[in-house]
Amino acid sequence: MALLSPRKARIANWIAAAILIAMALALWSDPGLVIRGEFAKQRLLLGASSHRTVVDDHRWTWVELEADKPDAATIVMLHGYTGSKEGWYRMARALRGRYRIVIPDLPGWGQSERRDGADYGFVAQSARVAAFLRKPEVAGGRPVVLVGHSMGGGIAALAAARYPNLVARIALLDAAGVRFEDNQFGKDVLDGKNPFGVSDKASLERYLATVFHNPETRPWVPWPAGDIYIAQRRRDAAFEQRVLDKIGRSEERFLPGAEAANISQPALLLWCRQDKVIDPSAMGLYAARIPHASQVMLEDCGHMSLMERPGESAAAVAMLIERGLPAGPQQESP
C-alpha cells in the first residue's frame, strides 16, 4: 500500500480535524442529535418510513411500516406517558409484514409538536387521535385497529368509545383510566408527585426499575445519550407534571374506564402481572365495562409489556385482528 505524501497526509489530517470540530459543534448546539440519530438508526433497521402531517393545530410525526398485502388491516399504536413511538419498535417488528403499522408521537411528546398552554389530557388527546385517524394518509378511509399502552390506552379507550366508526377493534395494554388497587405509584400521583420524574442518574435508574420488571429487557442507554436524556427530562419536568395532574388527579382521570362501557368493537385487554404502575387489578375493572373483551395476563414482566414481551403482545393483537372485522359500519358519536 502506497504511503501518503507529507502534503496529502497534512490535508487528510486537516479534513479529519474539521469533521471532528463540525461534529462537536453540532452536538454542542443540539445535544439531542445523539438520541435522534439513534432513533433514526432503529427506524431504518425496522424498515419503517418517517412522515409528518398537520392535524388541526398540531404537527404530528409518525412512522409507517407497509404490509405485504394491500388489503391488510392498519394498526395504529399510541404510546404512554413520557413515552414515544420508538417504544413500540420491538412489538412492531413481530407484526411486520402482516399488517400496515402506523406509530405516531402523540402531540406534546417525542418529535410531534408541543404548544404552550395546550391541554394534553385524555379528552383532548382522544379528539386529536380521532382527527389523526381521519387523515387519508393515515387510515385510508378505513377503520383501524387502535392499540394503546398506559396513558395511550386511556386515550385509545375514549377514542374507541366516542368515535366508533374510526376504530374497528381496540387493544388496551396496561391501560390507565380506571381506579385500580392502591400501589406506590398511584399514591405518589395522588400526592402531587411525579414518580416517573428523571433529574439525575439515580432517578433514571428508579424510573427504569419502576417500568421494567426484568433488567435484561431494559433499553441500553450508552454515554453520552444517558446524560442527554436526563437533561431533556429535567427540562420537561414542568410539562410532565401538568400532564400527570390532568390524567392522574383531575376530574377526567377515570373517564376512559367509565366510557369504556360504550365500546362495542372487538377488544383485547393485556397486562403484565408484575406491573408496578397500572396495577393488574385495572384489567378486571376494564373487563367489567367491556365484558366481550379477551383478557391476556403475562407473567414475569412489568409495565412495559410491549417491550418486555413483544412477541406475546404481538400475538395477542394478531389474534384479535384475525377474528374478523365487524359486519358493517358503525355510527360515530358527535
Protein backbone atom coordinates (compact mmCIF):
# COMPACT_ATOMS: atom_id res chain seq x y z
CA MET A 1 0.00 0.00 0.00
CA ALA A 2 1.42 3.38 -1.02
CA LEU A 3 2.01 5.91 1.74
CA LEU A 4 0.56 9.41 1.50
CA SER A 5 2.95 12.19 0.75
CA PRO A 6 3.59 14.61 3.66
CA ARG A 7 1.41 17.24 1.96
CA LYS A 8 -1.50 14.81 1.38
CA ALA A 9 -1.16 13.50 4.95
CA ARG A 10 -1.48 17.05 6.32
CA ILE A 11 -4.55 17.67 4.17
CA ALA A 12 -6.12 14.41 5.38
CA ASN A 13 -5.43 15.38 9.00
CA TRP A 14 -6.98 18.82 8.44
CA ILE A 15 -10.09 17.24 6.92
CA ALA A 16 -10.41 14.78 9.80
CA ALA A 17 -9.97 17.59 12.34
CA ALA A 18 -12.57 19.71 10.54
CA ILE A 19 -15.05 16.83 10.63
CA LEU A 20 -14.49 16.29 14.36
CA ILE A 21 -14.89 20.02 15.05
CA ALA A 22 -18.11 20.11 13.00
CA MET A 23 -19.47 17.11 14.90
CA ALA A 24 -18.55 18.68 18.24
CA LEU A 25 -20.21 21.98 17.29
CA ALA A 26 -23.35 20.14 16.14
CA LEU A 27 -23.59 18.23 19.42
CA TRP A 28 -22.91 21.39 21.44
CA SER A 29 -25.65 23.33 19.64
CA ASP A 30 -28.10 20.39 19.58
CA PRO A 31 -27.30 17.68 22.17
CA GLY A 32 -30.46 15.78 21.24
CA LEU A 33 -28.82 14.93 17.92
CA VAL A 34 -27.29 11.83 19.53
CA ILE A 35 -30.64 10.41 20.61
CA ARG A 36 -32.39 11.35 17.37
CA GLY A 37 -29.58 9.71 15.44
CA GLU A 38 -30.01 6.51 17.44
CA PHE A 39 -33.77 6.59 16.90
CA ALA A 40 -33.24 7.11 13.17
CA LYS A 41 -30.95 4.08 13.10
CA GLN A 42 -33.59 1.99 14.89
CA ARG A 43 -36.23 3.12 12.41
CA LEU A 44 -34.08 2.20 9.42
CA LEU A 45 -33.30 -1.23 10.90
CA LEU A 46 -37.04 -1.74 11.41
CA GLY A 47 -37.69 -0.81 7.79
CA ALA A 48 -40.11 1.99 8.66
CA SER A 49 -40.56 5.27 6.81
CA SER A 50 -40.90 8.62 8.61
CA HIS A 51 -43.76 11.05 7.99
CA ARG A 52 -45.11 14.38 9.15
CA THR A 53 -48.62 15.74 8.90
CA VAL A 54 -50.55 18.64 10.38
CA VAL A 55 -53.79 17.80 12.15
CA ASP A 56 -55.81 20.82 13.24
CA ASP A 57 -53.46 22.81 15.48
CA HIS A 58 -50.58 20.32 15.88
CA ARG A 59 -47.84 18.88 13.70
CA TRP A 60 -47.59 15.09 14.09
CA THR A 61 -44.54 12.94 13.44
CA TRP A 62 -45.18 9.26 12.76
CA VAL A 63 -43.56 6.19 11.23
CA GLU A 64 -45.15 3.62 8.96
CA LEU A 65 -44.45 0.00 8.05
CA GLU A 66 -46.12 -1.24 4.88
CA ALA A 67 -47.88 -4.61 4.77
CA ASP A 68 -47.10 -7.39 2.33
CA LYS A 69 -50.74 -7.36 1.13
CA PRO A 70 -52.56 -4.16 0.11
CA ASP A 71 -55.79 -5.14 1.89
CA ALA A 72 -54.13 -5.82 5.26
CA ALA A 73 -55.50 -4.17 8.39
CA THR A 74 -53.92 -0.94 9.64
CA ILE A 75 -52.72 -0.91 13.25
CA VAL A 76 -52.25 2.46 14.96
CA MET A 77 -50.18 2.34 18.15
CA LEU A 78 -50.41 5.00 20.89
CA HIS A 79 -47.55 5.30 23.38
CA GLY A 80 -47.80 6.06 27.09
CA TYR A 81 -46.83 8.87 29.46
CA THR A 82 -43.20 10.03 28.98
CA GLY A 83 -43.02 7.60 26.05
CA SER A 84 -42.57 7.95 22.30
CA LYS A 85 -43.15 5.97 19.14
CA GLU A 86 -39.80 4.17 19.49
CA GLY A 87 -41.13 2.17 22.44
CA TRP A 88 -43.30 0.17 20.00
CA TYR A 89 -40.47 -0.91 17.70
CA ARG A 90 -39.87 -4.32 19.31
CA MET A 91 -43.55 -5.23 19.05
CA ALA A 92 -43.85 -3.76 15.55
CA ARG A 93 -41.00 -6.00 14.42
CA ALA A 94 -43.06 -9.04 15.48
CA LEU A 95 -46.03 -7.82 13.38
CA ARG A 96 -44.02 -6.52 10.43
CA GLY A 97 -45.30 -7.51 7.01
CA ARG A 98 -48.61 -8.97 8.11
CA TYR A 99 -50.24 -5.60 8.76
CA ARG A 100 -49.77 -1.95 7.92
CA ILE A 101 -48.47 -0.27 11.08
CA VAL A 102 -48.66 3.43 11.94
CA ILE A 103 -46.90 4.67 15.08
CA PRO A 104 -47.16 8.37 15.97
CA ASP A 105 -45.61 10.50 18.63
CA LEU A 106 -48.68 11.89 20.37
CA PRO A 107 -48.92 15.70 20.34
CA GLY A 108 -46.75 17.12 23.09
CA TRP A 109 -44.38 14.15 23.07
CA GLY A 110 -41.41 12.92 21.08
CA GLN A 111 -40.96 14.73 17.78
CA SER A 112 -44.58 15.89 17.50
CA GLU A 113 -45.47 19.48 18.27
CA ARG A 114 -45.98 20.78 21.81
CA ARG A 115 -47.87 24.03 22.25
CA ASP A 116 -47.70 26.24 25.33
CA GLY A 117 -50.90 26.11 27.34
CA ALA A 118 -52.44 23.27 25.32
CA ASP A 119 -54.42 20.50 27.01
CA TYR A 120 -52.81 17.05 26.72
CA GLY A 121 -55.25 15.10 28.88
CA PHE A 122 -57.34 12.08 27.92
CA VAL A 123 -60.25 14.01 26.39
CA ALA A 124 -58.22 16.46 24.30
CA GLN A 125 -55.84 13.79 23.06
CA SER A 126 -58.63 11.36 22.14
CA ALA A 127 -60.18 14.07 19.95
CA ARG A 128 -56.78 14.69 18.33
CA VAL A 129 -56.36 10.97 17.71
CA ALA A 130 -59.77 10.85 16.01
CA ALA A 131 -58.72 13.74 13.76
CA PHE A 132 -55.43 11.94 13.01
CA LEU A 133 -57.32 8.76 12.03
CA ARG A 134 -59.46 10.78 9.62
CA LYS A 135 -56.41 11.80 7.60
CA PRO A 136 -56.42 9.82 4.31
CA GLU A 137 -52.69 9.14 4.53
CA VAL A 138 -53.10 7.60 7.98
CA ALA A 139 -56.06 5.22 7.70
CA GLY A 140 -57.02 5.46 4.04
CA GLY A 141 -60.65 5.96 4.95
CA ARG A 142 -60.88 2.59 6.70
CA PRO A 143 -61.38 1.82 10.41
CA VAL A 144 -58.17 0.87 12.20
CA VAL A 145 -57.02 -1.45 14.94
CA LEU A 146 -56.20 1.00 17.73
CA VAL A 147 -53.63 -0.21 20.25
CA GLY A 148 -52.87 1.92 23.29
CA HIS A 149 -50.40 1.48 26.12
CA SER A 150 -50.68 3.10 29.58
CA MET A 151 -51.77 6.73 29.06
CA GLY A 152 -52.17 5.84 25.39
CA GLY A 153 -54.54 3.08 26.47
CA GLY A 154 -56.78 5.58 28.23
CA ILE A 155 -56.73 7.79 25.13
CA ALA A 156 -57.47 4.78 22.90
CA ALA A 157 -60.39 3.69 25.10
CA LEU A 158 -62.01 7.13 24.84
CA ALA A 159 -61.41 7.27 21.09
CA ALA A 160 -62.98 3.85 20.55
CA ALA A 161 -65.99 4.77 22.72
CA ARG A 162 -66.58 8.21 21.23
CA TYR A 163 -65.62 7.66 17.58
CA PRO A 164 -66.61 4.03 16.88
CA ASN A 165 -66.75 4.41 13.09
CA LEU A 166 -63.00 5.14 13.11
CA VAL A 167 -61.97 2.13 15.20
CA ALA A 168 -62.63 -1.42 14.03
CA ARG A 169 -61.16 -3.03 17.14
CA ILE A 170 -59.34 -1.92 20.25
CA ALA A 171 -56.43 -3.29 22.29
CA LEU A 172 -55.55 -1.85 25.70
CA LEU A 173 -52.13 -2.73 27.14
CA ASP A 174 -51.54 -1.86 30.82
CA ALA A 175 -54.02 0.96 30.27
CA ALA A 176 -54.59 3.95 32.55
CA GLY A 177 -58.04 5.40 33.19
CA VAL A 178 -59.58 3.30 35.99
CA ARG A 179 -59.32 3.30 39.79
CA PHE A 180 -57.02 0.33 40.30
CA GLU A 181 -55.88 -1.05 43.65
CA ASP A 182 -53.53 1.21 45.57
CA ASN A 183 -49.83 0.93 44.84
CA GLN A 184 -46.91 3.26 45.47
CA PHE A 185 -47.11 4.79 42.01
CA GLY A 186 -50.78 5.69 42.44
CA LYS A 187 -50.22 7.10 45.93
CA ASP A 188 -47.39 9.30 44.67
CA VAL A 189 -49.55 10.63 41.83
CA LEU A 190 -52.40 11.47 44.20
CA ASP A 191 -49.88 13.23 46.46
CA GLY A 192 -48.96 15.52 43.55
CA LYS A 193 -45.60 13.87 42.84
CA ASN A 194 -44.23 12.57 39.55
CA PRO A 195 -42.92 9.05 40.20
CA PHE A 196 -41.66 8.99 36.61
CA GLY A 197 -39.59 12.16 37.06
CA VAL A 198 -35.95 11.98 35.95
CA SER A 199 -33.43 14.57 37.08
CA ASP A 200 -30.22 12.60 37.66
CA LYS A 201 -28.73 9.12 37.26
CA ALA A 202 -30.36 7.84 40.46
CA SER A 203 -33.85 8.93 39.40
CA LEU A 204 -33.25 7.50 35.90
CA GLU A 205 -32.42 4.15 37.47
CA ARG A 206 -35.52 4.38 39.69
CA TYR A 207 -37.67 5.18 36.65
CA LEU A 208 -36.36 2.21 34.69
CA ALA A 209 -36.79 -0.10 37.70
CA THR A 210 -40.39 1.06 38.04
CA VAL A 211 -41.44 0.39 34.46
CA PHE A 212 -39.33 -2.71 33.70
CA HIS A 213 -39.62 -5.87 35.77
CA ASN A 214 -36.69 -7.67 34.17
CA PRO A 215 -33.45 -5.62 33.93
CA GLU A 216 -32.41 -7.62 30.87
CA THR A 217 -35.29 -6.14 28.86
CA ARG A 218 -34.36 -2.52 29.54
CA PRO A 219 -33.07 -0.46 26.61
CA TRP A 220 -29.35 0.17 26.66
CA VAL A 221 -28.53 3.85 27.21
CA PRO A 222 -24.87 4.44 26.28
CA TRP A 223 -22.85 7.56 27.07
CA PRO A 224 -23.47 10.36 26.28
CA ALA A 225 -27.11 9.54 25.47
CA GLY A 226 -27.87 8.91 29.15
CA ASP A 227 -26.73 12.36 30.22
CA ILE A 228 -28.53 13.98 27.29
CA TYR A 229 -31.73 12.10 28.14
CA ILE A 230 -31.53 13.17 31.79
CA ALA A 231 -31.07 16.81 30.76
CA GLN A 232 -34.06 16.58 28.43
CA ARG A 233 -36.29 15.03 31.09
CA ARG A 234 -35.20 17.74 33.54
CA ARG A 235 -36.27 20.41 31.03
CA ASP A 236 -39.59 18.61 30.53
CA ALA A 237 -40.35 18.26 34.24
CA ALA A 238 -42.97 21.04 34.41
CA PHE A 239 -44.74 19.78 31.29
CA GLU A 240 -44.73 16.21 32.58
CA GLN A 241 -46.22 17.32 35.88
CA ARG A 242 -49.03 19.23 34.16
CA VAL A 243 -49.96 16.22 32.06
CA LEU A 244 -49.79 13.86 35.04
CA ASP A 245 -52.01 16.18 37.07
CA LYS A 246 -54.53 16.10 34.22
CA ILE A 247 -54.60 12.33 33.65
CA GLY A 248 -53.97 11.29 37.24
CA ARG A 249 -55.67 13.81 39.52
CA SER A 250 -58.30 15.75 37.56
CA GLU A 251 -61.99 15.03 37.08
CA GLU A 252 -61.22 13.15 33.84
CA ARG A 253 -58.75 10.65 35.33
CA PHE A 254 -61.30 7.80 35.37
CA LEU A 255 -63.26 8.88 32.30
CA PRO A 256 -61.69 6.27 29.97
CA GLY A 257 -62.90 3.47 32.23
CA ALA A 258 -66.35 4.99 32.65
CA GLU A 259 -66.87 5.42 28.90
CA ALA A 260 -65.36 2.02 28.08
CA ALA A 261 -68.86 0.65 28.66
CA ASN A 262 -69.67 2.17 25.26
CA ILE A 263 -67.01 0.11 23.47
CA SER A 264 -68.76 -2.47 21.30
CA GLN A 265 -65.86 -3.28 18.98
CA PRO A 266 -63.85 -6.50 19.34
CA ALA A 267 -61.44 -5.76 22.18
CA LEU A 268 -58.31 -7.05 23.89
CA LEU A 269 -57.09 -6.35 27.41
CA LEU A 270 -53.46 -7.25 28.08
CA TRP A 271 -51.48 -6.76 31.31
CA CYS A 272 -48.29 -7.90 32.98
CA ARG A 273 -48.64 -9.50 36.38
CA GLN A 274 -45.73 -7.52 37.84
CA ASP A 275 -46.88 -4.07 36.63
CA LYS A 276 -45.87 -1.55 39.33
CA VAL A 277 -47.50 1.39 37.55
CA ILE A 278 -51.02 0.41 36.48
CA ASP A 279 -51.83 -2.38 38.93
CA PRO A 280 -53.14 -5.56 37.22
CA SER A 281 -56.44 -5.08 39.05
CA ALA A 282 -57.14 -2.48 36.35
CA MET A 283 -57.67 -5.24 33.80
CA GLY A 284 -60.62 -6.60 35.78
CA LEU A 285 -62.12 -3.13 36.04
CA TYR A 286 -61.90 -2.62 32.28
CA ALA A 287 -63.24 -6.15 31.72
CA ALA A 288 -66.33 -5.36 33.80
CA ARG A 289 -67.07 -2.50 31.39
CA ILE A 290 -66.06 -4.40 28.23
CA PRO A 291 -67.32 -7.91 29.04
CA HIS A 292 -66.77 -9.16 25.47
CA ALA A 293 -63.03 -8.32 25.59
CA SER A 294 -60.40 -11.05 25.52
CA GLN A 295 -58.08 -10.95 28.51
CA VAL A 296 -54.38 -11.84 28.49
CA MET A 297 -52.23 -11.76 31.64
CA LEU A 298 -48.49 -12.12 31.01
CA GLU A 299 -46.03 -13.29 33.66
CA ASP A 300 -42.54 -12.06 34.55
CA CYS A 301 -42.94 -8.59 33.08
CA GLY A 302 -43.79 -5.13 34.36
CA HIS A 303 -45.41 -2.04 32.90
CA MET A 304 -43.70 -2.25 29.51
CA SER A 305 -45.43 -5.33 28.10
CA LEU A 306 -44.78 -4.06 24.57
CA MET A 307 -41.01 -4.12 25.21
CA GLU A 308 -40.64 -6.93 27.76
CA ARG A 309 -42.98 -9.37 25.99
CA PRO A 310 -43.20 -8.04 22.42
CA GLY A 311 -43.78 -11.44 20.84
CA GLU A 312 -46.63 -12.44 23.13
CA SER A 313 -48.17 -8.96 22.94
CA ALA A 314 -47.99 -9.01 19.14
CA ALA A 315 -49.53 -12.49 19.01
CA ALA A 316 -52.46 -11.34 21.15
CA VAL A 317 -53.10 -8.35 18.85
CA ALA A 318 -52.83 -10.59 15.77
CA MET A 319 -55.39 -12.96 17.27
CA LEU A 320 -57.74 -10.02 17.85
CA ILE A 321 -57.38 -8.97 14.22
CA GLU A 322 -57.81 -12.41 12.69
CA ARG A 323 -61.13 -12.98 14.45
CA GLY A 324 -62.75 -10.87 11.73
CA LEU A 325 -63.94 -7.35 11.09
CA PRO A 326 -67.32 -6.05 12.24
CA ALA A 327 -70.08 -6.85 9.74
CA GLY A 328 -70.85 -3.22 8.88
CA PRO A 329 -70.05 0.44 9.59
CA GLN A 330 -70.87 1.89 12.98
CA GLN A 331 -72.29 5.30 13.79
CA GLU A 332 -69.81 7.91 15.03
CA SER A 333 -70.76 9.88 18.11
CA PRO A 334 -70.81 13.68 17.68
